Structures are given as structure tokens and as C-alpha cells.
N, C-alpha and C. Protein backbone atom coordinates (compact mmCIF):
# COMPACT_ATOMS: atom_id res chain seq x y z
N MET A 1 -24.68 54.45 -9.32
CA MET A 1 -25.89 53.84 -9.90
C MET A 1 -25.37 52.89 -11.18
N GLU A 2 -24.51 53.68 -12.05
CA GLU A 2 -23.98 53.18 -13.06
C GLU A 2 -23.09 51.69 -12.99
N SER A 3 -22.39 51.73 -11.85
CA SER A 3 -21.87 50.44 -11.54
C SER A 3 -23.05 49.33 -11.30
N SER A 4 -23.72 49.82 -10.88
CA SER A 4 -24.90 48.64 -10.13
C SER A 4 -25.44 48.04 -11.77
N GLN A 5 -25.81 48.75 -12.77
CA GLN A 5 -26.37 48.33 -14.21
C GLN A 5 -24.73 47.61 -14.55
N ASN A 6 -23.64 47.75 -14.48
CA ASN A 6 -22.88 47.10 -15.46
C ASN A 6 -22.54 45.82 -14.66
N ALA A 7 -22.56 45.57 -12.89
CA ALA A 7 -22.49 44.66 -12.74
C ALA A 7 -23.85 43.40 -13.23
N THR A 8 -24.66 44.35 -13.12
CA THR A 8 -26.37 43.45 -13.69
C THR A 8 -25.88 43.04 -15.19
N HIS A 9 -25.52 43.65 -15.91
CA HIS A 9 -24.99 43.08 -17.22
C HIS A 9 -24.21 42.12 -17.65
N ASP A 10 -22.99 42.21 -16.38
CA ASP A 10 -21.95 41.40 -16.70
C ASP A 10 -22.66 39.98 -15.94
N THR A 11 -23.41 40.23 -14.92
CA THR A 11 -24.01 39.13 -14.77
C THR A 11 -24.94 38.09 -15.80
N VAL A 12 -25.51 39.07 -16.54
CA VAL A 12 -26.29 38.19 -17.23
C VAL A 12 -25.61 38.14 -18.40
N LEU A 13 -24.61 38.35 -18.61
CA LEU A 13 -23.61 38.22 -19.64
C LEU A 13 -22.92 36.86 -19.65
N ASP A 14 -22.95 36.88 -18.26
CA ASP A 14 -21.66 35.41 -17.49
C ASP A 14 -23.11 34.28 -17.57
N GLU A 15 -24.09 34.41 -17.24
CA GLU A 15 -24.97 33.51 -17.32
C GLU A 15 -25.42 32.85 -18.59
N GLY A 16 -25.13 33.96 -19.57
CA GLY A 16 -25.31 33.54 -21.13
C GLY A 16 -24.28 32.85 -21.78
N SER A 17 -23.52 33.15 -21.06
CA SER A 17 -22.06 32.52 -21.46
C SER A 17 -21.67 31.05 -20.92
N ALA A 18 -22.56 30.74 -19.85
CA ALA A 18 -22.61 29.80 -18.85
C ALA A 18 -23.38 28.71 -20.15
N MET A 19 -25.00 29.22 -20.37
CA MET A 19 -25.67 28.20 -21.04
C MET A 19 -25.37 28.53 -22.33
N TYR A 20 -24.33 29.00 -23.14
CA TYR A 20 -23.91 28.68 -24.13
C TYR A 20 -22.74 27.47 -24.03
N GLU A 21 -21.96 27.41 -22.98
CA GLU A 21 -20.83 26.74 -22.58
C GLU A 21 -21.36 25.14 -22.61
N LEU A 22 -22.47 25.17 -21.58
CA LEU A 22 -23.71 23.80 -21.31
C LEU A 22 -24.08 23.57 -23.09
N GLU A 23 -24.51 24.45 -23.58
CA GLU A 23 -24.66 23.86 -24.78
C GLU A 23 -23.86 23.38 -25.11
N LEU A 24 -22.60 24.23 -25.32
CA LEU A 24 -21.69 23.12 -26.75
C LEU A 24 -21.08 21.82 -25.51
N HIS A 25 -20.82 21.79 -24.27
CA HIS A 25 -21.18 20.55 -23.94
C HIS A 25 -21.76 19.39 -24.10
N ARG A 26 -23.13 19.98 -24.26
CA ARG A 26 -24.19 18.79 -24.46
C ARG A 26 -24.32 18.40 -25.86
N ILE A 27 -23.70 18.95 -26.69
CA ILE A 27 -23.53 18.76 -28.20
C ILE A 27 -22.41 17.82 -28.24
N ARG A 28 -21.18 18.43 -27.80
CA ARG A 28 -19.80 17.40 -27.87
C ARG A 28 -20.34 15.96 -27.09
N SER A 29 -20.75 16.45 -25.99
CA SER A 29 -21.08 14.72 -25.18
C SER A 29 -21.84 14.36 -26.04
N ALA A 30 -23.04 14.51 -26.68
CA ALA A 30 -24.02 13.81 -27.67
C ALA A 30 -23.05 13.44 -28.76
N GLU A 31 -22.26 13.97 -29.26
CA GLU A 31 -21.17 13.52 -30.47
C GLU A 31 -20.44 12.46 -29.99
N LEU A 32 -19.90 12.56 -28.87
CA LEU A 32 -19.13 11.43 -28.53
C LEU A 32 -20.11 10.31 -28.16
N ARG A 33 -21.00 10.38 -27.62
CA ARG A 33 -21.75 9.15 -27.77
C ARG A 33 -22.30 8.56 -29.05
N ARG A 34 -22.40 9.44 -30.04
CA ARG A 34 -22.48 8.68 -30.97
C ARG A 34 -21.16 8.07 -32.00
N GLU A 35 -20.12 8.54 -31.42
CA GLU A 35 -18.90 7.99 -31.89
C GLU A 35 -18.57 6.68 -31.45
N ALA A 36 -18.85 6.70 -30.31
CA ALA A 36 -18.80 5.18 -29.36
C ALA A 36 -19.65 3.97 -29.75
N GLN A 37 -20.50 4.48 -30.09
CA GLN A 37 -21.73 3.92 -30.98
C GLN A 37 -21.06 3.09 -32.03
N ARG A 38 -20.95 3.58 -32.93
CA ARG A 38 -20.24 3.45 -34.43
C ARG A 38 -19.16 2.98 -33.57
N ASP A 39 -18.21 3.32 -33.23
CA ASP A 39 -16.68 2.36 -32.58
C ASP A 39 -17.13 0.85 -32.44
N ARG A 40 -18.68 0.67 -31.70
CA ARG A 40 -18.65 -0.44 -30.92
C ARG A 40 -19.67 -1.53 -31.98
N LEU A 41 -20.26 -0.64 -32.69
CA LEU A 41 -21.18 -1.35 -33.99
C LEU A 41 -19.64 -2.05 -34.90
N ALA A 42 -18.62 -1.22 -34.96
CA ALA A 42 -17.77 -1.48 -35.98
C ALA A 42 -16.88 -2.72 -35.66
N ARG A 43 -16.74 -2.66 -34.22
CA ARG A 43 -15.76 -3.73 -33.50
C ARG A 43 -16.94 -5.23 -33.70
N GLU A 44 -18.14 -5.27 -33.28
CA GLU A 44 -19.11 -6.02 -33.23
C GLU A 44 -19.14 -6.64 -34.65
N VAL A 45 -18.90 -5.86 -35.89
CA VAL A 45 -18.92 -6.59 -37.04
C VAL A 45 -17.82 -7.35 -37.36
N VAL A 46 -16.38 -6.94 -36.87
CA VAL A 46 -15.57 -7.23 -37.13
C VAL A 46 -15.39 -8.85 -36.33
N ARG A 47 -15.86 -8.97 -35.01
CA ARG A 47 -15.72 -10.03 -34.38
C ARG A 47 -16.73 -10.89 -34.81
N ALA A 48 -18.01 -10.52 -35.33
CA ALA A 48 -18.89 -11.46 -36.20
C ALA A 48 -18.21 -12.06 -37.14
N ARG A 49 -17.78 -11.22 -37.93
CA ARG A 49 -16.86 -12.27 -39.49
C ARG A 49 -15.95 -12.95 -39.14
N ARG A 50 -15.20 -12.37 -38.18
CA ARG A 50 -13.99 -13.38 -37.74
C ARG A 50 -14.61 -14.58 -37.23
N ALA A 51 -15.51 -14.52 -36.58
CA ALA A 51 -16.13 -15.69 -36.05
C ALA A 51 -16.93 -16.63 -36.93
N ALA A 52 -17.14 -16.01 -37.70
CA ALA A 52 -17.76 -16.80 -39.12
C ALA A 52 -16.82 -17.55 -39.77
N ARG A 53 -15.45 -16.79 -40.23
CA ARG A 53 -14.42 -17.20 -40.62
C ARG A 53 -13.89 -18.69 -40.16
N HIS A 54 -13.88 -18.13 -38.73
CA HIS A 54 -13.20 -19.46 -37.89
C HIS A 54 -14.39 -20.31 -38.05
N GLU A 55 -15.57 -20.83 -38.34
CA GLU A 55 -16.41 -21.67 -37.86
C GLU A 55 -16.48 -22.05 -39.49
N ALA A 56 -16.10 -21.47 -40.61
CA ALA A 56 -16.15 -22.03 -41.60
C ALA A 56 -15.23 -23.44 -42.06
N PRO A 57 -15.81 -24.17 -42.28
CA PRO A 57 -14.81 -26.06 -42.62
C PRO A 57 -13.60 -25.20 -43.84
N ALA A 58 -12.52 -26.27 -43.52
CA ALA A 58 -11.32 -25.60 -44.15
C ALA A 58 -11.59 -26.05 -45.60
N ALA A 59 -12.21 -27.15 -45.85
CA ALA A 59 -12.54 -27.61 -47.16
C ALA A 59 -13.42 -26.89 -48.05
N GLY A 60 -13.91 -25.58 -47.56
CA GLY A 60 -14.74 -24.65 -48.10
C GLY A 60 -13.71 -23.64 -48.88
N SER A 61 -12.53 -23.50 -49.17
CA SER A 61 -11.63 -23.02 -49.86
C SER A 61 -12.15 -22.88 -51.58
N HIS A 62 -11.53 -22.15 -51.92
CA HIS A 62 -12.24 -21.00 -53.47
C HIS A 62 -11.63 -22.10 -54.31
N THR A 63 -10.55 -22.90 -54.17
CA THR A 63 -10.40 -23.86 -55.36
C THR A 63 -10.46 -24.94 -54.86
N GLU A 64 -10.44 -26.37 -55.69
CA GLU A 64 -10.57 -27.96 -55.54
C GLU A 64 -8.99 -28.60 -55.46
N ARG A 65 -7.99 -27.88 -56.09
CA ARG A 65 -6.77 -28.17 -55.66
C ARG A 65 -6.50 -28.71 -54.39
N PRO A 66 -5.67 -29.79 -54.41
CA PRO A 66 -5.02 -30.06 -53.19
C PRO A 66 -3.61 -29.21 -52.66
N ARG A 67 -3.97 -28.93 -51.62
CA ARG A 67 -2.67 -28.00 -51.25
C ARG A 67 -1.25 -28.60 -51.07
N ARG A 68 -0.19 -27.81 -51.93
CA ARG A 68 1.08 -28.25 -52.06
C ARG A 68 1.79 -28.20 -51.01
N THR A 69 2.49 -29.38 -51.08
CA THR A 69 3.53 -29.06 -50.15
C THR A 69 4.91 -28.60 -50.38
N ARG A 70 5.33 -27.42 -49.19
CA ARG A 70 6.37 -26.79 -49.50
C ARG A 70 7.60 -27.74 -49.08
N LEU A 71 8.56 -27.85 -49.59
CA LEU A 71 9.87 -28.35 -49.73
C LEU A 71 10.82 -27.37 -48.87
N PRO A 72 11.80 -27.58 -48.16
CA PRO A 72 12.31 -27.30 -47.44
C PRO A 72 13.63 -26.49 -48.70
N ARG A 73 14.02 -25.33 -48.56
CA ARG A 73 14.88 -24.59 -49.46
C ARG A 73 16.00 -25.13 -49.21
N THR A 74 16.66 -25.56 -50.35
CA THR A 74 18.55 -26.21 -50.56
C THR A 74 19.42 -25.27 -50.60
N ALA A 75 20.40 -25.21 -49.98
CA ALA A 75 21.43 -24.42 -49.87
C ALA A 75 22.22 -24.47 -51.20
């Protein structure tokens, strides 16, 4: 009779362990989803900034000076 009680007890522990593992899996899965969403948002922001930079006219530089022409170096 004692062996059947141990088997029942082990089964309960296994079920409890499985539930614990399942809950850990769910927590980790949710964490990975949040991280992926943050990464997608960060990439979207970078793309938007890059697009805004490329759409800005070249005359919108921070100085009014004309660009210097670069002469080749002399030997």
C-alpha cells in the first residue's frame, strides 16, 4: 500500500512540476514577445528618422556658408 501512495505522491509532484514548467514557459514567451515588439518599434523609429533625413533639402544645413571645395593633396 505504501508503494501506491508513493506513486500517487510522485504523480502529483510531476503534475505540479509540469504546471510550474508551463508557467515559466508562458512567462518567458510573454517576455520574448515584449522584447520583439520593442525591437520592432526601435527599428521603425530608426527608419523614420533616416527617411526624414533623406527627405530634407540639402540647403537646410546648419550654416549659411557655401561648401568648401577640396583640392587634391600635393606631393
